N, C-alpha and C. Protein backbone atom coordinates (compact mmCIF):
# COMPACT_ATOMS: atom_id res chain seq x y z
N MET A 1 -84.97 -58.69 38.66
CA MET A 1 -84.27 -59.16 39.81
C MET A 1 -83.07 -58.25 40.04
N LEU A 2 -83.22 -57.32 40.84
CA LEU A 2 -82.16 -56.40 41.21
C LEU A 2 -81.50 -56.87 42.49
N LEU A 3 -80.21 -56.64 42.54
CA LEU A 3 -79.46 -57.04 43.72
C LEU A 3 -79.39 -55.87 44.69
N ASP A 4 -79.51 -56.18 45.94
CA ASP A 4 -79.40 -55.11 46.91
C ASP A 4 -77.95 -54.88 47.28
N PHE A 5 -77.71 -53.91 48.08
CA PHE A 5 -76.37 -53.48 48.43
C PHE A 5 -75.57 -54.59 49.11
N ASP A 6 -76.14 -55.37 49.98
CA ASP A 6 -75.44 -56.44 50.70
C ASP A 6 -74.97 -57.54 49.74
N GLN A 7 -75.80 -57.91 48.78
CA GLN A 7 -75.42 -58.94 47.82
C GLN A 7 -74.28 -58.46 46.91
N ILE A 8 -74.34 -57.21 46.49
CA ILE A 8 -73.28 -56.64 45.64
C ILE A 8 -71.97 -56.61 46.44
N LEU A 9 -72.06 -56.24 47.70
CA LEU A 9 -70.87 -56.18 48.54
C LEU A 9 -70.25 -57.57 48.73
N ILE A 10 -71.07 -58.60 48.92
CA ILE A 10 -70.57 -59.97 49.08
C ILE A 10 -69.90 -60.43 47.79
N ILE A 11 -70.49 -60.14 46.64
CA ILE A 11 -69.90 -60.53 45.35
C ILE A 11 -68.58 -59.81 45.16
N LEU A 12 -68.51 -58.53 45.45
CA LEU A 12 -67.27 -57.78 45.30
C LEU A 12 -66.18 -58.30 46.23
N ILE A 13 -66.54 -58.63 47.45
CA ILE A 13 -65.56 -59.18 48.40
C ILE A 13 -65.06 -60.54 47.89
N GLY A 14 -65.94 -61.38 47.36
CA GLY A 14 -65.54 -62.68 46.80
C GLY A 14 -64.59 -62.50 45.62
N VAL A 15 -64.90 -61.58 44.71
CA VAL A 15 -64.03 -61.31 43.57
C VAL A 15 -62.68 -60.78 44.07
N LEU A 16 -62.70 -59.92 45.04
CA LEU A 16 -61.46 -59.35 45.59
C LEU A 16 -60.60 -60.44 46.25
N ILE A 17 -61.22 -61.34 46.99
CA ILE A 17 -60.46 -62.44 47.61
C ILE A 17 -59.86 -63.35 46.53
N PHE A 18 -60.64 -63.65 45.50
CA PHE A 18 -60.13 -64.48 44.40
C PHE A 18 -58.94 -63.78 43.73
N TRP A 19 -59.09 -62.50 43.45
CA TRP A 19 -58.02 -61.73 42.79
C TRP A 19 -56.75 -61.68 43.66
N LEU A 20 -56.90 -61.50 44.96
CA LEU A 20 -55.75 -61.49 45.87
C LEU A 20 -55.07 -62.86 45.92
N THR A 21 -55.84 -63.93 45.85
CA THR A 21 -55.27 -65.28 45.83
C THR A 21 -54.43 -65.49 44.58
N VAL A 22 -54.98 -65.09 43.43
CA VAL A 22 -54.24 -65.23 42.17
C VAL A 22 -52.96 -64.41 42.22
N LEU A 23 -53.02 -63.18 42.69
CA LEU A 23 -51.83 -62.34 42.78
C LEU A 23 -50.80 -62.92 43.76
N SER A 24 -51.28 -63.50 44.86
CA SER A 24 -50.37 -64.10 45.84
C SER A 24 -49.61 -65.28 45.22
N VAL A 25 -50.30 -66.12 44.48
CA VAL A 25 -49.65 -67.26 43.82
C VAL A 25 -48.62 -66.77 42.81
N LEU A 26 -48.98 -65.80 42.00
CA LEU A 26 -48.04 -65.26 41.01
C LEU A 26 -46.83 -64.63 41.69
N PHE A 27 -47.06 -63.89 42.75
CA PHE A 27 -45.96 -63.26 43.47
C PHE A 27 -45.04 -64.31 44.09
N PHE A 28 -45.61 -65.36 44.67
CA PHE A 28 -44.81 -66.40 45.28
C PHE A 28 -43.94 -67.10 44.23
N ASN A 29 -44.50 -67.39 43.06
CA ASN A 29 -43.71 -68.00 41.97
C ASN A 29 -42.59 -67.06 41.52
N PHE A 30 -42.89 -65.79 41.42
CA PHE A 30 -41.87 -64.81 41.05
C PHE A 30 -40.77 -64.75 42.11
N TYR A 31 -41.16 -64.78 43.38
CA TYR A 31 -40.21 -64.74 44.47
C TYR A 31 -39.29 -65.96 44.45
N LEU A 32 -39.84 -67.15 44.19
CA LEU A 32 -39.02 -68.36 44.10
C LEU A 32 -38.04 -68.28 42.93
N SER A 33 -38.48 -67.77 41.80
CA SER A 33 -37.60 -67.61 40.65
C SER A 33 -36.48 -66.62 40.95
N LEU A 34 -36.81 -65.54 41.62
CA LEU A 34 -35.81 -64.54 41.98
C LEU A 34 -34.79 -65.11 42.97
N ARG A 35 -35.24 -65.91 43.93
CA ARG A 35 -34.31 -66.54 44.88
C ARG A 35 -33.37 -67.50 44.18
N LYS A 36 -33.90 -68.24 43.20
CA LYS A 36 -33.07 -69.16 42.44
C LYS A 36 -32.04 -68.40 41.62
N LEU A 37 -32.45 -67.29 41.05
CA LEU A 37 -31.57 -66.47 40.22
C LEU A 37 -30.48 -65.80 41.04
N THR A 38 -30.80 -65.38 42.25
CA THR A 38 -29.83 -64.66 43.08
C THR A 38 -29.09 -65.57 44.05
N LYS A 39 -29.21 -66.87 43.88
CA LYS A 39 -28.54 -67.83 44.76
C LYS A 39 -27.03 -67.63 44.66
N GLY A 40 -26.35 -67.46 45.77
CA GLY A 40 -24.91 -67.30 45.80
C GLY A 40 -24.45 -65.88 45.57
N VAL A 41 -25.35 -64.92 45.46
CA VAL A 41 -24.97 -63.52 45.26
C VAL A 41 -25.33 -62.77 46.53
N THR A 42 -24.32 -62.10 47.10
CA THR A 42 -24.58 -61.38 48.34
C THR A 42 -25.22 -60.02 48.05
N LYS A 43 -24.71 -59.34 47.07
CA LYS A 43 -25.26 -58.05 46.69
C LYS A 43 -26.29 -58.31 45.59
N LYS A 44 -27.55 -58.18 45.89
CA LYS A 44 -28.59 -58.67 44.99
C LYS A 44 -29.15 -57.59 44.07
N ASP A 45 -28.26 -56.85 43.40
CA ASP A 45 -28.77 -55.94 42.38
C ASP A 45 -28.62 -56.62 41.02
N LEU A 46 -29.33 -56.14 40.04
CA LEU A 46 -29.39 -56.78 38.73
C LEU A 46 -28.03 -56.84 38.05
N LYS A 47 -27.22 -55.80 38.21
CA LYS A 47 -25.90 -55.77 37.58
C LYS A 47 -25.03 -56.90 38.11
N THR A 48 -25.02 -57.10 39.41
CA THR A 48 -24.21 -58.16 40.01
C THR A 48 -24.67 -59.53 39.54
N ILE A 49 -25.96 -59.71 39.48
CA ILE A 49 -26.52 -60.99 39.05
C ILE A 49 -26.12 -61.28 37.60
N LEU A 50 -26.26 -60.30 36.73
CA LEU A 50 -25.91 -60.49 35.32
C LEU A 50 -24.41 -60.73 35.15
N GLU A 51 -23.58 -60.02 35.91
CA GLU A 51 -22.13 -60.24 35.82
C GLU A 51 -21.77 -61.66 36.24
N LYS A 52 -22.42 -62.14 37.32
CA LYS A 52 -22.17 -63.51 37.76
C LYS A 52 -22.59 -64.51 36.70
N MET A 53 -23.73 -64.29 36.08
CA MET A 53 -24.21 -65.20 35.04
C MET A 53 -23.28 -65.18 33.83
N LEU A 54 -22.79 -64.01 33.44
CA LEU A 54 -21.86 -63.93 32.31
C LEU A 54 -20.54 -64.62 32.63
N LYS A 55 -20.07 -64.48 33.86
CA LYS A 55 -18.84 -65.14 34.28
C LYS A 55 -19.00 -66.66 34.21
N ASP A 56 -20.14 -67.13 34.72
CA ASP A 56 -20.43 -68.57 34.65
C ASP A 56 -20.52 -69.05 33.21
N PHE A 57 -21.15 -68.25 32.37
CA PHE A 57 -21.29 -68.61 30.95
C PHE A 57 -19.92 -68.70 30.29
N ASP A 58 -19.04 -67.74 30.56
CA ASP A 58 -17.69 -67.76 29.98
C ASP A 58 -16.90 -68.99 30.46
N ARG A 59 -17.04 -69.30 31.74
CA ARG A 59 -16.34 -70.46 32.29
C ARG A 59 -16.84 -71.75 31.63
N GLN A 60 -18.15 -71.85 31.46
CA GLN A 60 -18.71 -73.04 30.83
C GLN A 60 -18.34 -73.12 29.35
N ALA A 61 -18.25 -71.99 28.67
CA ALA A 61 -17.84 -71.99 27.27
C ALA A 61 -16.40 -72.48 27.14
N LYS A 62 -15.52 -72.08 28.06
CA LYS A 62 -14.14 -72.57 28.04
C LYS A 62 -14.09 -74.07 28.28
N GLU A 63 -14.90 -74.55 29.19
CA GLU A 63 -14.94 -75.99 29.46
C GLU A 63 -15.43 -76.76 28.24
N VAL A 64 -16.44 -76.23 27.56
CA VAL A 64 -16.95 -76.87 26.34
C VAL A 64 -15.86 -76.89 25.27
N ASP A 65 -15.11 -75.81 25.13
CA ASP A 65 -14.01 -75.77 24.15
C ASP A 65 -12.97 -76.84 24.47
N LYS A 66 -12.64 -77.00 25.76
CA LYS A 66 -11.69 -78.04 26.15
C LYS A 66 -12.21 -79.42 25.79
N LEU A 67 -13.50 -79.64 26.05
CA LEU A 67 -14.09 -80.94 25.74
C LEU A 67 -14.10 -81.21 24.23
N VAL A 68 -14.37 -80.19 23.44
CA VAL A 68 -14.37 -80.35 21.98
C VAL A 68 -12.96 -80.69 21.49
N LYS A 69 -11.95 -80.00 22.03
CA LYS A 69 -10.57 -80.29 21.64
C LYS A 69 -10.18 -81.71 22.04
N ALA A 70 -10.58 -82.14 23.22
CA ALA A 70 -10.27 -83.50 23.67
C ALA A 70 -10.95 -84.54 22.78
N ALA A 71 -12.19 -84.28 22.39
CA ALA A 71 -12.91 -85.21 21.51
C ALA A 71 -12.25 -85.28 20.14
N GLU A 72 -11.82 -84.13 19.61
CA GLU A 72 -11.13 -84.12 18.32
C GLU A 72 -9.82 -84.89 18.40
N GLU A 73 -9.09 -84.73 19.49
CA GLU A 73 -7.83 -85.44 19.69
C GLU A 73 -8.06 -86.95 19.76
N LEU A 74 -9.11 -87.35 20.49
CA LEU A 74 -9.44 -88.77 20.58
C LEU A 74 -9.82 -89.34 19.21
N GLU A 75 -10.57 -88.57 18.47
CA GLU A 75 -10.98 -89.02 17.13
C GLU A 75 -9.77 -89.18 16.23
N LYS A 76 -8.84 -88.23 16.31
CA LYS A 76 -7.63 -88.31 15.49
C LYS A 76 -6.77 -89.51 15.91
N ASP A 77 -6.64 -89.73 17.22
CA ASP A 77 -5.85 -90.84 17.71
C ASP A 77 -6.48 -92.19 17.38
N SER A 78 -7.81 -92.22 17.32
CA SER A 78 -8.49 -93.50 17.09
C SER A 78 -8.26 -94.03 15.68
N LEU A 79 -7.78 -93.21 14.77
CA LEU A 79 -7.48 -93.69 13.43
C LEU A 79 -6.39 -94.75 13.45
N TYR A 80 -5.56 -94.75 14.48
CA TYR A 80 -4.45 -95.70 14.57
C TYR A 80 -4.79 -96.94 15.40
N ASN A 81 -6.02 -97.07 15.83
CA ASN A 81 -6.47 -98.25 16.55
C ASN A 81 -7.08 -99.24 15.57
N ILE A 82 -7.08 -100.50 15.94
CA ILE A 82 -7.71 -101.50 15.07
C ILE A 82 -9.20 -101.23 15.02
N GLN A 83 -9.69 -101.00 13.81
CA GLN A 83 -11.11 -100.68 13.62
C GLN A 83 -11.80 -101.67 12.69
N LYS A 84 -11.01 -102.33 11.87
CA LYS A 84 -11.60 -103.20 10.85
C LYS A 84 -10.97 -104.59 10.95
N VAL A 85 -11.83 -105.59 10.93
CA VAL A 85 -11.37 -106.97 11.04
C VAL A 85 -12.02 -107.79 9.94
N GLY A 86 -11.20 -108.56 9.24
CA GLY A 86 -11.72 -109.45 8.20
C GLY A 86 -11.17 -110.85 8.42
N LEU A 87 -12.03 -111.86 8.33
CA LEU A 87 -11.62 -113.24 8.56
C LEU A 87 -12.08 -114.10 7.40
N VAL A 88 -11.16 -114.93 6.90
CA VAL A 88 -11.48 -115.90 5.84
C VAL A 88 -10.97 -117.26 6.31
N ARG A 89 -11.86 -118.23 6.36
CA ARG A 89 -11.47 -119.61 6.67
C ARG A 89 -11.45 -120.39 5.37
N TYR A 90 -10.47 -121.28 5.23
CA TYR A 90 -10.35 -122.04 3.99
C TYR A 90 -9.59 -123.34 4.22
N ASN A 91 -9.62 -124.20 3.22
CA ASN A 91 -8.93 -125.48 3.27
C ASN A 91 -7.85 -125.48 2.19
N PRO A 92 -6.57 -125.27 2.55
CA PRO A 92 -5.53 -125.18 1.54
C PRO A 92 -5.06 -126.54 1.00
N PHE A 93 -5.31 -127.61 1.72
CA PHE A 93 -4.82 -128.93 1.33
C PHE A 93 -6.01 -129.88 1.20
N ALA A 94 -5.98 -130.69 0.17
CA ALA A 94 -7.10 -131.60 -0.09
C ALA A 94 -7.18 -132.73 0.93
N GLU A 95 -6.03 -133.14 1.51
CA GLU A 95 -6.04 -134.30 2.39
C GLU A 95 -6.55 -133.99 3.80
N THR A 96 -6.69 -132.74 4.16
CA THR A 96 -7.22 -132.42 5.50
C THR A 96 -8.71 -132.12 5.38
N GLY A 97 -9.41 -132.36 6.42
CA GLY A 97 -10.85 -132.12 6.40
C GLY A 97 -11.19 -130.81 7.07
N GLY A 98 -12.10 -130.06 6.49
CA GLY A 98 -12.60 -128.83 7.10
C GLY A 98 -11.75 -127.62 6.80
N ASP A 99 -12.31 -126.49 7.13
CA ASP A 99 -11.63 -125.21 6.92
C ASP A 99 -10.86 -124.84 8.18
N GLN A 100 -9.75 -125.52 8.41
CA GLN A 100 -8.96 -125.30 9.60
C GLN A 100 -7.99 -124.13 9.46
N SER A 101 -7.65 -123.74 8.24
CA SER A 101 -6.74 -122.63 8.01
C SER A 101 -7.54 -121.33 7.92
N PHE A 102 -6.86 -120.22 8.20
CA PHE A 102 -7.56 -118.94 8.14
C PHE A 102 -6.59 -117.80 7.83
N CYS A 103 -7.16 -116.68 7.39
CA CYS A 103 -6.45 -115.41 7.23
C CYS A 103 -7.25 -114.38 8.01
N LEU A 104 -6.56 -113.67 8.86
CA LEU A 104 -7.19 -112.64 9.70
C LEU A 104 -6.52 -111.32 9.38
N SER A 105 -7.32 -110.36 8.95
CA SER A 105 -6.77 -109.04 8.66
C SER A 105 -7.24 -108.05 9.73
N LEU A 106 -6.28 -107.30 10.29
CA LEU A 106 -6.54 -106.30 11.33
C LEU A 106 -6.07 -104.96 10.80
N LEU A 107 -7.01 -104.04 10.54
CA LEU A 107 -6.67 -102.76 9.93
C LEU A 107 -7.14 -101.60 10.80
N ASP A 108 -6.41 -100.49 10.70
CA ASP A 108 -6.80 -99.27 11.42
C ASP A 108 -7.68 -98.41 10.51
N GLY A 109 -7.92 -97.18 10.91
CA GLY A 109 -8.78 -96.28 10.16
C GLY A 109 -8.21 -95.86 8.82
N LYS A 110 -6.92 -96.05 8.63
CA LYS A 110 -6.28 -95.71 7.36
C LYS A 110 -5.96 -96.95 6.54
N ASP A 111 -6.63 -98.06 6.85
CA ASP A 111 -6.46 -99.34 6.16
C ASP A 111 -5.04 -99.86 6.23
N SER A 112 -4.34 -99.57 7.30
CA SER A 112 -3.00 -100.12 7.52
C SER A 112 -3.06 -101.04 8.73
N GLY A 113 -2.22 -102.06 8.72
CA GLY A 113 -2.20 -103.01 9.82
C GLY A 113 -1.44 -104.25 9.44
N LEU A 114 -2.08 -105.42 9.63
CA LEU A 114 -1.41 -106.67 9.30
C LEU A 114 -2.42 -107.74 8.95
N VAL A 115 -1.90 -108.78 8.27
CA VAL A 115 -2.68 -109.97 7.95
C VAL A 115 -1.98 -111.14 8.61
N ILE A 116 -2.70 -111.90 9.37
CA ILE A 116 -2.17 -113.11 10.01
C ILE A 116 -2.77 -114.30 9.28
N SER A 117 -1.89 -115.18 8.79
CA SER A 117 -2.34 -116.38 8.08
C SER A 117 -1.92 -117.60 8.86
N SER A 118 -2.83 -118.55 8.96
CA SER A 118 -2.53 -119.82 9.62
C SER A 118 -2.82 -120.93 8.63
N LEU A 119 -1.78 -121.72 8.32
CA LEU A 119 -1.92 -122.88 7.43
C LEU A 119 -1.86 -124.14 8.28
N HIS A 120 -2.97 -124.86 8.27
CA HIS A 120 -3.08 -126.06 9.10
C HIS A 120 -3.00 -127.28 8.21
N SER A 121 -2.07 -128.19 8.54
CA SER A 121 -2.00 -129.48 7.86
C SER A 121 -2.09 -130.57 8.92
N ARG A 122 -1.99 -131.83 8.50
CA ARG A 122 -2.09 -132.92 9.47
C ARG A 122 -0.93 -132.89 10.46
N ASP A 123 0.23 -132.51 9.99
CA ASP A 123 1.42 -132.58 10.83
C ASP A 123 1.72 -131.30 11.59
N THR A 124 1.49 -130.14 10.94
CA THR A 124 1.90 -128.87 11.55
C THR A 124 0.88 -127.78 11.28
N THR A 125 1.06 -126.75 12.02
CA THR A 125 0.33 -125.51 11.77
C THR A 125 1.36 -124.40 11.68
N ARG A 126 1.31 -123.65 10.60
CA ARG A 126 2.25 -122.55 10.42
C ARG A 126 1.48 -121.23 10.44
N ILE A 127 2.10 -120.26 11.08
CA ILE A 127 1.46 -118.94 11.19
C ILE A 127 2.39 -117.90 10.59
N TYR A 128 1.82 -117.04 9.74
CA TYR A 128 2.58 -115.98 9.07
C TYR A 128 1.88 -114.64 9.33
N ALA A 129 2.67 -113.60 9.41
CA ALA A 129 2.13 -112.25 9.55
C ALA A 129 2.76 -111.37 8.48
N LYS A 130 1.93 -110.57 7.81
CA LYS A 130 2.41 -109.68 6.75
C LYS A 130 1.86 -108.29 6.99
N PRO A 131 2.68 -107.27 6.82
CA PRO A 131 2.19 -105.89 7.01
C PRO A 131 1.33 -105.44 5.85
N VAL A 132 0.42 -104.53 6.16
CA VAL A 132 -0.47 -103.94 5.15
C VAL A 132 -0.40 -102.43 5.31
N ARG A 133 -0.23 -101.71 4.19
CA ARG A 133 -0.21 -100.24 4.19
C ARG A 133 -1.27 -99.74 3.22
N LYS A 134 -2.20 -98.96 3.71
CA LYS A 134 -3.27 -98.37 2.90
C LYS A 134 -4.01 -99.42 2.07
N GLY A 135 -4.25 -100.56 2.68
CA GLY A 135 -5.03 -101.61 2.03
C GLY A 135 -4.26 -102.46 1.05
N LYS A 136 -2.97 -102.28 0.92
CA LYS A 136 -2.14 -103.04 -0.03
C LYS A 136 -1.01 -103.73 0.72
N ALA A 137 -0.46 -104.75 0.07
CA ALA A 137 0.68 -105.48 0.66
C ALA A 137 1.87 -104.55 0.79
N ALA A 138 2.61 -104.69 1.87
CA ALA A 138 3.79 -103.86 2.10
C ALA A 138 5.01 -104.76 2.17
N GLY A 139 5.62 -105.04 1.01
CA GLY A 139 6.85 -105.81 0.97
C GLY A 139 6.68 -107.30 0.76
N TYR A 140 5.49 -107.82 0.79
CA TYR A 140 5.25 -109.25 0.62
C TYR A 140 4.09 -109.44 -0.35
N ASP A 141 4.12 -110.56 -1.07
CA ASP A 141 2.98 -110.90 -1.92
C ASP A 141 1.89 -111.51 -1.05
N LEU A 142 0.65 -111.18 -1.39
CA LEU A 142 -0.49 -111.69 -0.63
C LEU A 142 -1.17 -112.81 -1.41
N SER A 143 -1.62 -113.81 -0.67
CA SER A 143 -2.40 -114.89 -1.29
C SER A 143 -3.81 -114.37 -1.57
N ALA A 144 -4.57 -115.15 -2.32
CA ALA A 144 -5.96 -114.77 -2.64
C ALA A 144 -6.79 -114.66 -1.37
N GLU A 145 -6.57 -115.58 -0.42
CA GLU A 145 -7.33 -115.56 0.83
C GLU A 145 -6.98 -114.32 1.67
N GLU A 146 -5.70 -113.95 1.68
CA GLU A 146 -5.28 -112.75 2.42
C GLU A 146 -5.88 -111.50 1.80
N LYS A 147 -5.90 -111.43 0.48
CA LYS A 147 -6.55 -110.29 -0.20
C LYS A 147 -8.03 -110.24 0.12
N GLN A 148 -8.66 -111.43 0.17
CA GLN A 148 -10.08 -111.48 0.49
C GLN A 148 -10.34 -111.02 1.93
N ALA A 149 -9.47 -111.39 2.86
CA ALA A 149 -9.61 -110.95 4.26
C ALA A 149 -9.48 -109.45 4.36
N ILE A 150 -8.53 -108.86 3.61
CA ILE A 150 -8.37 -107.39 3.61
C ILE A 150 -9.60 -106.73 3.01
N LYS A 151 -10.12 -107.30 1.95
CA LYS A 151 -11.32 -106.74 1.30
C LYS A 151 -12.52 -106.77 2.26
N ARG A 152 -12.68 -107.87 3.00
CA ARG A 152 -13.78 -107.95 3.97
C ARG A 152 -13.61 -106.90 5.09
N ALA A 153 -12.36 -106.72 5.52
CA ALA A 153 -12.11 -105.75 6.58
C ALA A 153 -12.39 -104.33 6.10
N LYS A 154 -12.05 -104.03 4.86
CA LYS A 154 -12.24 -102.68 4.34
C LYS A 154 -13.71 -102.34 4.15
N LYS A 155 -14.58 -103.34 4.07
CA LYS A 155 -16.02 -103.10 3.94
C LYS A 155 -16.61 -102.52 5.22
N ILE A 156 -15.94 -102.76 6.34
CA ILE A 156 -16.41 -102.25 7.64
C ILE A 156 -16.08 -100.78 7.73
N LYS A 157 -17.05 -99.95 8.04
CA LYS A 157 -16.82 -98.50 8.13
C LYS A 157 -16.72 -98.08 9.55
């Protein structure tokens, strides 16, 4: 089965049309990429495009450095915010019912802060506050419940 000249010509024309279609699609994709790359550049030579890209890269690197410094500053400042909370409820007096009294410890990232104690009896409620430095009492003796509240707060990371 030999092909005559007309059939060979039709096959070659079909292959040529297919090849031109593939090349047209590839060229169009390349053209779109080039337009995206040269967007905002009036003089469209490679040197100008690369200089613009390097300038943009340097500007973005400076912005990233600023953001990193700001994040580090926030992290450093956050050490002085209340980060750890410990609560202990207890009954200090036998004649009252329930755990109405409590010790609340509020500590920062360096385990400094305060302990608030509330003693509830039938007649009165008394509230005390004591400073805490580095997880220890600062100038006042702590009750067992206050120490327990500080210990619970220090468990929080």
